[in-house]
Structure formats: structure tokens, C-alpha cells
Amino acid sequence: MAPRFSEMNKIRVTHAGFGNAEGYVIGSQFRDGRWVYKISFLNPDDPKGQQTYDNWIPEDWLELTK
């Protein structure tokens, strides 16, 4: 089973707890029977700034952006 998103895909987090978070996939792992992704989030206050959190987001919380 291959991951749905590859590194540097631009994504949006659709889970309610994240609001309108967008960013780029910077890593993926198959863990506990599902794919999870490490995301570098875009900082809305500084378009050139990004924030990377040490957390992994499940695939079903993500969608590709254009």
C-alpha cells in the first residue's frame, strides 16, 4: 500500500481542530495500519515563514490543494 501524498505535496488539514491549516508534506510513515504525515505548515502572518511541528497527521485528515 503506497502513501496517498508524497513529499512536497501541498495539502490542507480538514480536521476541525486545525482550522484552515495548509502546508507541505515533509515526511510519511506507515504506522498502526495507516499512513501518517509530518507537515510543514504555512504561517499566515508571514507568507515566507513556515512552522514544522513534531506531530504526525493521519491521511484521512488531509486533502490536496491546488
Protein backbone atom coordinates (compact mmCIF):
# COMPACT_ATOMS: atom_id res chain seq x y z
CA MET A 1 0.00 0.00 0.00
CA ALA A 2 1.51 3.31 -1.11
CA PRO A 3 1.01 6.67 0.62
CA ARG A 4 -1.64 8.95 -0.90
CA PHE A 5 0.55 12.07 -0.59
CA SER A 6 4.22 12.41 -1.46
CA GLU A 7 6.81 14.79 -0.08
CA MET A 8 6.28 18.41 -1.08
CA ASN A 9 2.59 17.90 -1.93
CA LYS A 10 0.69 20.98 -0.80
CA ILE A 11 -2.14 19.90 1.50
CA ARG A 12 -4.96 21.26 3.64
CA VAL A 13 -5.90 19.79 7.01
CA THR A 14 -9.66 19.11 7.03
CA HIS A 15 -9.96 18.15 10.72
CA ALA A 16 -11.94 20.74 12.70
CA GLY A 17 -9.27 21.14 15.39
CA PHE A 18 -6.78 22.60 12.91
CA GLY A 19 -8.94 25.33 11.39
CA ASN A 20 -7.78 26.25 7.88
CA ALA A 21 -4.21 24.92 8.16
CA GLU A 22 -2.27 24.44 4.91
CA GLY A 23 1.26 23.29 4.33
CA TYR A 24 3.58 20.79 2.67
CA VAL A 25 4.22 17.13 3.36
CA ILE A 26 7.81 16.69 4.56
CA GLY A 27 7.63 13.07 5.69
CA SER A 28 5.42 10.00 5.83
CA GLN A 29 5.28 6.76 7.82
CA PHE A 30 3.04 3.71 7.82
CA ARG A 31 2.13 3.34 11.47
CA ASP A 32 -0.60 1.31 13.21
CA GLY A 33 -2.12 0.23 9.91
CA ARG A 34 -2.42 3.70 8.35
CA TRP A 35 -0.32 6.40 6.73
CA VAL A 36 0.58 9.45 8.82
CA TYR A 37 2.33 12.59 7.57
CA LYS A 38 4.63 15.22 9.01
CA ILE A 39 3.58 18.65 7.75
CA SER A 40 5.44 21.94 7.43
CA PHE A 41 2.62 24.44 7.99
CA LEU A 42 2.44 27.81 6.25
CA ASN A 43 2.47 30.73 8.66
CA PRO A 44 -0.47 33.04 7.75
CA ASP A 45 1.24 36.04 9.39
CA ASP A 46 4.38 35.67 7.23
CA PRO A 47 3.88 34.12 3.76
CA LYS A 48 7.60 33.25 3.58
CA GLY A 49 7.67 31.70 7.06
CA GLN A 50 6.78 28.12 7.87
CA GLN A 51 6.38 26.14 11.05
CA THR A 52 7.08 22.45 11.43
CA TYR A 53 5.54 20.66 14.39
CA ASP A 54 6.74 17.37 15.79
CA ASN A 55 3.45 15.62 15.19
CA TRP A 56 2.06 13.21 12.65
CA ILE A 57 -1.32 13.77 11.00
CA PRO A 58 -3.43 10.86 9.71
CA GLU A 59 -4.11 10.62 5.98
CA ASP A 60 -7.89 10.89 6.40
CA TRP A 61 -7.48 14.40 7.87
CA LEU A 62 -5.73 15.71 4.72
CA GLU A 63 -6.65 16.77 1.18
CA LEU A 64 -4.57 18.07 -1.72
CA THR A 65 -4.73 21.79 -2.53
CA LYS A 66 -4.20 23.39 -5.90
